[in-house]
């Protein structure tokens, strides 16, 4: 018998996190005007355009990464030195019954340490390179915390797109590695560049009933992307991807989702909501975005201090 998780497909995706949804007219940079690169090198650019992803090494300084790592353990109320605390009955039930928790999502969005990573100049510069514009807004997104599997746990990962690739999404997504993900047993990001390179040919071979949120990728090569602490992975939303299960015995995979897209300064409703989310530490509303029931972000933590760059990335100040 299929579980609720197994039944989720593209028709299940309703409202999205508004900070991750761009406008149809947004276009990624093709550097046709000879725009120089700020952070990426030419080899990075080739990987980006040919494979659909790029890794920016040491995009965030080590202290910020260490702060994020400590924050996750604190927020989840787990002891990193005592593995017996890692699997409470309540959390185990959620991991086995709800997709976002099964995948290790943490309902933490607006803490100071998350904003410290978002407003890092090197992170911003990398997104300027792929978009070809300085006027960007950053996504207000959450973190990921994949623990070693407990007895009876089944990881429901699958290869997918987050946007219908037939719609030619001009969007990017990003993952900041907060823990080393160079050991294949710890899991992490995996993708299929083969489809990205030959999408039109591959697409013509799919049946009329194909499902883009759960495509049949049997026989294709899945490419794991190794990341060290502080590395930033940016990938094109046209890249079919997934998360590999953590199969280790004692290691965890921690990541922060960070993306940027051209600012929508004329969209007052979205701009006001972004500022409210930051100021009052509110989680976005959207598909499988739950917010933490304890309201720790709102009640325990303070509003994050922003740099002048951070104020523009939020929308508090104009570009």
Protein backbone atom coordinates (compact mmCIF):
# COMPACT_ATOMS: atom_id res chain seq x y z
CA UNK A 1 0.00 0.00 0.00
CA UNK A 2 1.38 3.40 -0.98
CA UNK A 3 1.92 6.03 1.67
CA UNK A 4 0.99 9.70 1.46
CA UNK A 5 4.57 10.49 0.45
CA UNK A 6 4.53 7.99 -2.39
CA UNK A 7 1.37 9.57 -3.81
CA UNK A 8 2.79 13.08 -4.06
CA UNK A 9 3.24 14.28 -7.65
CA UNK A 10 3.19 17.58 -9.55
CA UNK A 11 -0.58 17.92 -9.03
CA UNK A 12 0.09 17.99 -5.28
CA UNK A 13 2.19 21.15 -5.53
CA UNK A 14 -0.03 24.10 -4.73
CA UNK A 15 1.20 27.44 -3.37
CA UNK A 16 4.97 27.91 -3.47
CA UNK A 17 7.26 29.88 -1.20
CA UNK A 18 6.74 33.37 -2.71
CA UNK A 19 10.42 34.27 -2.32
CA UNK A 20 11.44 31.49 -4.72
CA UNK A 21 9.02 32.31 -7.55
CA UNK A 22 10.26 34.62 -10.31
CA UNK A 23 8.56 36.37 -13.19
CA UNK A 24 8.28 34.88 -16.67
CA UNK A 25 10.32 37.67 -18.20
CA UNK A 26 13.38 36.95 -16.04
CA UNK A 27 16.28 35.64 -18.15
CA UNK A 28 19.51 34.06 -17.00
CA UNK A 29 22.73 35.60 -18.23
CA UNK A 30 24.26 34.32 -21.46
CA UNK A 31 27.12 36.85 -21.25
CA UNK A 32 26.34 37.91 -24.80
CA UNK A 33 27.32 41.45 -23.90
CA UNK A 34 30.74 40.35 -22.72
CA UNK A 35 29.91 40.81 -19.04
CA UNK A 36 32.92 39.92 -16.86
CA UNK A 37 32.61 37.36 -14.07
CA UNK A 38 32.86 38.43 -10.42
CA UNK A 39 33.19 35.12 -8.62
CA UNK A 40 32.96 32.32 -11.18
CA UNK A 41 35.96 31.54 -13.38
CA UNK A 42 35.69 30.51 -17.03
CA UNK A 43 35.87 26.82 -16.08
CA UNK A 44 33.02 27.37 -13.61
CA UNK A 45 31.00 29.07 -16.34
CA UNK A 46 31.46 26.11 -18.67
CA UNK A 47 30.27 23.71 -15.97
CA UNK A 48 27.28 25.96 -15.31
CA UNK A 49 26.20 26.23 -18.94
CA UNK A 50 26.97 22.64 -19.93
CA UNK A 51 25.97 20.67 -16.83
CA UNK A 52 23.44 22.98 -15.21
CA UNK A 53 25.27 23.49 -11.93
CA UNK A 54 28.36 25.11 -10.46
CA UNK A 55 30.17 24.83 -7.11
CA UNK A 56 31.61 28.00 -5.57
CA UNK A 57 34.34 26.87 -3.21
CA UNK A 58 34.43 28.43 0.25
CA UNK A 59 31.66 30.90 -0.54
CA UNK A 60 30.99 31.54 3.17
CA UNK A 61 33.56 32.03 5.90
CA UNK A 62 34.14 29.24 8.41
CA UNK A 63 32.79 31.13 11.48
CA UNK A 64 29.41 31.64 9.80
CA UNK A 65 29.30 27.93 8.93
CA UNK A 66 30.15 26.92 12.48
CA UNK A 67 27.43 29.22 13.80
CA UNK A 68 24.87 27.60 11.48
CA UNK A 69 25.95 24.13 12.54
CA UNK A 70 25.50 24.91 16.24
CA UNK A 71 22.18 26.60 15.56
CA UNK A 72 20.65 23.53 13.92
CA UNK A 73 21.49 21.28 16.88
CA UNK A 74 20.11 23.90 19.26
CA UNK A 75 16.93 24.45 17.26
CA UNK A 76 16.25 20.71 17.00
CA UNK A 77 17.05 20.27 20.71
CA UNK A 78 19.49 17.45 20.01
CA UNK A 79 22.90 16.72 21.51
CA UNK A 80 25.53 16.26 18.77
CA UNK A 81 27.61 14.20 21.20
CA UNK A 82 24.77 11.86 22.20
CA UNK A 83 23.26 9.93 19.30
CA UNK A 84 20.56 8.49 21.57
CA UNK A 85 18.86 11.90 21.48
CA UNK A 86 18.63 12.08 17.69
CA UNK A 87 15.44 10.07 17.11
CA UNK A 88 12.51 11.05 19.29
CA UNK A 89 9.16 9.29 18.68
CA UNK A 90 7.48 12.52 17.56
CA UNK A 91 10.19 13.39 15.04
CA UNK A 92 10.38 9.81 13.82
CA UNK A 93 6.65 9.84 13.06
CA UNK A 94 7.00 13.06 11.08
CA UNK A 95 9.96 11.74 9.10
CA UNK A 96 8.01 8.67 8.06
CA UNK A 97 4.76 10.43 7.17
CA UNK A 98 5.52 13.86 5.69
CA UNK A 99 7.72 14.55 2.66
CA UNK A 100 9.53 17.67 3.86
CA UNK A 101 10.46 16.07 7.20
CA UNK A 102 11.35 12.80 5.47
CA UNK A 103 13.82 14.82 3.40
CA UNK A 104 15.24 16.46 6.54
CA UNK A 105 13.82 19.98 6.23
CA UNK A 106 14.15 22.25 9.28
CA UNK A 107 11.57 25.01 9.83
CA UNK A 108 14.15 27.75 10.40
CA UNK A 109 14.11 30.77 8.07
CA UNK A 110 15.10 34.15 9.50
CA UNK A 111 17.72 33.67 12.19
CA UNK A 112 20.71 36.00 12.20
CA UNK A 113 23.06 33.22 11.13
CA UNK A 114 20.97 32.41 8.04
CA UNK A 115 21.03 36.07 7.08
CA UNK A 116 24.78 36.23 7.69
CA UNK A 117 25.21 33.60 4.98
CA UNK A 118 22.73 35.27 2.61
CA UNK A 119 24.43 38.65 2.77
CA UNK A 120 27.93 37.27 2.22
CA UNK A 121 29.44 39.24 -0.72
CA UNK A 122 30.90 36.14 -2.36
CA UNK A 123 27.50 34.42 -2.35
CA UNK A 124 25.87 37.52 -3.82
CA UNK A 125 28.58 37.87 -6.46
CA UNK A 126 28.07 34.31 -7.66
CA UNK A 127 24.37 34.94 -8.25
CA UNK A 128 25.19 38.20 -10.02
CA UNK A 129 27.31 36.14 -12.41
CA UNK A 130 24.55 33.69 -13.31
CA UNK A 131 21.82 36.33 -13.61
CA UNK A 132 23.86 39.11 -15.18
CA UNK A 133 22.36 41.80 -12.95
CA UNK A 134 23.27 43.33 -9.60
CA UNK A 135 19.66 44.02 -8.60
CA UNK A 136 18.77 40.80 -6.80
CA UNK A 137 16.54 39.62 -3.97
CA UNK A 138 17.50 36.62 -1.87
CA UNK A 139 15.13 33.75 -1.10
CA UNK A 140 13.86 33.34 2.46
CA UNK A 141 14.24 29.60 2.71
CA UNK A 142 15.01 26.94 5.30
CA UNK A 143 17.69 24.43 6.25
CA UNK A 144 18.23 20.72 5.79
CA UNK A 145 19.35 18.24 8.45
CA UNK A 146 19.75 14.63 7.32
CA UNK A 147 20.49 12.26 10.18
CA UNK A 148 21.77 8.68 9.93
CA UNK A 149 18.77 6.39 9.40
CA UNK A 150 17.08 4.88 12.43
CA UNK A 151 15.75 1.30 12.34
CA UNK A 152 12.63 1.11 10.19
CA UNK A 153 13.20 4.46 8.48
CA UNK A 154 12.73 4.59 4.71
CA UNK A 155 14.08 7.60 2.83
CA UNK A 156 11.59 8.55 0.10
CA UNK A 157 13.95 10.51 -2.12
CA UNK A 158 13.34 10.61 -5.86
CA UNK A 159 14.78 12.42 -8.85
CA UNK A 160 12.63 15.37 -9.83
CA UNK A 161 12.26 18.93 -11.02
CA UNK A 162 10.74 21.58 -8.74
CA UNK A 163 9.33 23.38 -11.79
CA UNK A 164 7.81 21.95 -14.95
CA UNK A 165 10.81 21.83 -17.34
CA UNK A 166 8.46 22.18 -20.33
CA UNK A 167 7.69 25.70 -19.08
CA UNK A 168 11.35 26.68 -19.64
CA UNK A 169 11.84 27.93 -16.07
CA UNK A 170 14.33 30.78 -15.87
CA UNK A 171 15.22 30.20 -12.27
CA UNK A 172 18.09 28.98 -10.10
CA UNK A 173 18.33 27.17 -6.80
CA UNK A 174 21.17 26.98 -4.32
CA UNK A 175 22.54 24.83 -1.49
CA UNK A 176 25.13 26.03 1.02
CA UNK A 177 26.98 23.11 2.61
CA UNK A 178 27.17 23.47 6.39
CA UNK A 179 28.77 20.06 6.86
CA UNK A 180 31.27 18.16 4.73
CA UNK A 181 29.47 16.12 2.07
CA UNK A 182 32.46 14.46 0.46
CA UNK A 183 31.77 11.01 1.93
CA UNK A 184 29.18 9.33 -0.33
CA UNK A 185 27.69 7.54 2.68
CA UNK A 186 26.52 10.84 4.18
CA UNK A 187 24.28 11.51 1.18
CA UNK A 188 23.73 14.88 -0.43
CA UNK A 189 22.87 16.46 -3.76
CA UNK A 190 22.69 14.31 -6.89
CA UNK A 191 21.70 15.31 -10.42
CA UNK A 192 21.45 14.16 -14.04
CA UNK A 193 23.45 16.50 -16.32
CA UNK A 194 22.75 14.12 -19.21
CA UNK A 195 19.11 15.24 -19.31
CA UNK A 196 20.08 18.90 -18.94
CA UNK A 197 22.38 18.66 -21.95
CA UNK A 198 19.90 16.79 -24.15
CA UNK A 199 16.53 17.73 -22.73
CA UNK A 200 14.62 18.15 -26.00
CA UNK A 201 15.79 14.78 -27.33
CA UNK A 202 15.10 13.04 -24.02
CA UNK A 203 11.71 14.73 -23.67
CA UNK A 204 10.49 13.48 -27.05
CA UNK A 205 11.05 9.94 -25.84
CA UNK A 206 8.76 10.34 -22.83
CA UNK A 207 5.16 9.05 -22.88
CA UNK A 208 2.20 11.41 -23.00
CA UNK A 209 1.45 10.59 -19.36
CA UNK A 210 4.95 11.39 -18.12
CA UNK A 211 5.23 12.98 -14.65
CA UNK A 212 7.87 15.70 -14.33
CA UNK A 213 7.91 15.56 -10.52
CA UNK A 214 8.66 11.82 -10.65
CA UNK A 215 10.23 11.13 -14.07
CA UNK A 216 11.42 7.72 -15.17
CA UNK A 217 15.22 8.07 -15.15
CA UNK A 218 16.10 4.39 -15.23
CA UNK A 219 19.36 3.75 -17.04
CA UNK A 220 20.63 7.32 -16.72
CA UNK A 221 23.77 8.29 -14.81
CA UNK A 222 23.16 10.01 -11.47
CA UNK A 223 26.03 12.36 -10.62
CA UNK A 224 26.67 13.10 -6.91
CA UNK A 225 28.14 16.54 -6.20
CA UNK A 226 30.70 16.55 -3.39
CA UNK A 227 30.68 19.64 -1.18
CA UNK A 228 32.90 20.79 1.66
CA UNK A 229 31.86 23.06 4.51
CA UNK A 230 31.28 26.55 3.14
CA UNK A 231 30.84 25.49 -0.50
CA UNK A 232 27.84 26.87 -2.39
CA UNK A 233 26.12 24.83 -5.08
CA UNK A 234 24.01 26.79 -7.58
CA UNK A 235 21.92 24.80 -10.03
CA UNK A 236 19.63 25.64 -12.90
CA UNK A 237 15.97 24.80 -12.22
CA UNK A 238 16.02 22.85 -15.51
CA UNK A 239 18.38 20.33 -13.89
CA UNK A 240 16.77 17.08 -12.73
CA UNK A 241 18.01 16.47 -9.19
CA UNK A 242 17.44 14.81 -5.83
CA UNK A 243 18.96 14.06 -2.43
CA UNK A 244 20.87 10.85 -1.69
CA UNK A 245 20.06 9.10 1.57
CA UNK A 246 22.43 9.44 4.49
CA UNK A 247 23.60 5.85 4.96
CA UNK A 248 26.34 6.59 7.45
CA UNK A 249 26.29 5.44 11.06
CA UNK A 250 27.35 8.61 12.86
CA UNK A 251 27.49 11.53 10.40
CA UNK A 252 24.91 14.20 9.57
CA UNK A 253 24.31 16.27 6.46
CA UNK A 254 23.50 19.94 7.14
CA UNK A 255 22.73 22.51 4.45
CA UNK A 256 21.08 25.90 3.98
CA UNK A 257 19.01 26.63 0.90
CA UNK A 258 19.98 29.98 -0.64
CA UNK A 259 18.96 31.39 -3.98
CA UNK A 260 18.63 34.81 -5.57
CA UNK A 261 16.65 36.23 -8.46
CA UNK A 262 16.06 39.66 -9.99
CA UNK A 263 14.40 42.02 -7.52
CA UNK A 264 10.69 42.80 -7.91
CA UNK A 265 10.72 46.22 -6.32
CA UNK A 266 7.41 47.26 -7.90
CA UNK A 267 5.61 44.31 -6.27
CA UNK A 268 4.55 46.06 -3.05
CA UNK A 269 2.65 43.08 -1.67
CA UNK A 270 5.62 40.73 -2.00
CA UNK A 271 8.06 43.34 -0.76
CA UNK A 272 5.96 44.11 2.32
CA UNK A 273 5.62 40.41 3.09
CA UNK A 274 9.38 39.83 2.80
CA UNK A 275 10.09 42.66 5.23
CA UNK A 276 7.43 41.37 7.65
CA UNK A 277 8.85 37.84 7.47
CA UNK A 278 12.32 39.13 8.35
CA UNK A 279 11.17 41.58 11.03
CA UNK A 280 8.80 39.21 12.87
CA UNK A 281 10.68 35.97 12.07
CA UNK A 282 7.78 34.41 10.17
CA UNK A 283 7.98 31.33 7.97
CA UNK A 284 6.82 31.63 4.36
CA UNK A 285 3.45 30.18 3.47
CA UNK A 286 3.52 27.55 0.78
CA UNK A 287 3.47 23.90 -0.17
CA UNK A 288 4.81 21.79 2.72
CA UNK A 289 6.14 24.86 4.55
CA UNK A 290 4.91 24.36 8.09
CA UNK A 291 6.68 26.74 10.40
CA UNK A 292 7.92 25.46 13.77
CA UNK A 293 5.03 24.97 16.24
CA UNK A 294 7.16 26.20 19.17
CA UNK A 295 7.55 29.64 17.49
CA UNK A 296 11.18 29.81 18.60
CA UNK A 297 12.13 32.09 15.73
CA UNK A 298 9.50 34.60 16.76
CA UNK A 299 9.81 34.32 20.54
CA UNK A 300 13.40 33.26 21.27
CA UNK A 301 15.48 34.94 18.57
CA UNK A 302 15.85 38.58 17.60
CA UNK A 303 15.34 40.20 14.22
CA UNK A 304 18.50 39.71 12.18
CA UNK A 305 20.81 42.69 11.71
CA UNK A 306 21.37 43.44 8.04
CA UNK A 307 24.34 44.94 6.24
CA UNK A 308 23.70 47.55 3.51
CA UNK A 309 23.88 44.66 1.03
CA UNK A 310 21.46 42.60 3.11
CA UNK A 311 18.96 45.47 3.21
CA UNK A 312 18.88 45.50 -0.60
CA UNK A 313 18.73 41.72 -0.87
CA UNK A 314 15.69 41.73 1.42
CA UNK A 315 13.94 44.66 -0.28
CA UNK A 316 14.17 46.98 2.73
CA UNK A 317 16.13 49.44 0.56
CA UNK A 318 16.04 50.02 -3.19
CA UNK A 319 18.89 49.10 -5.46
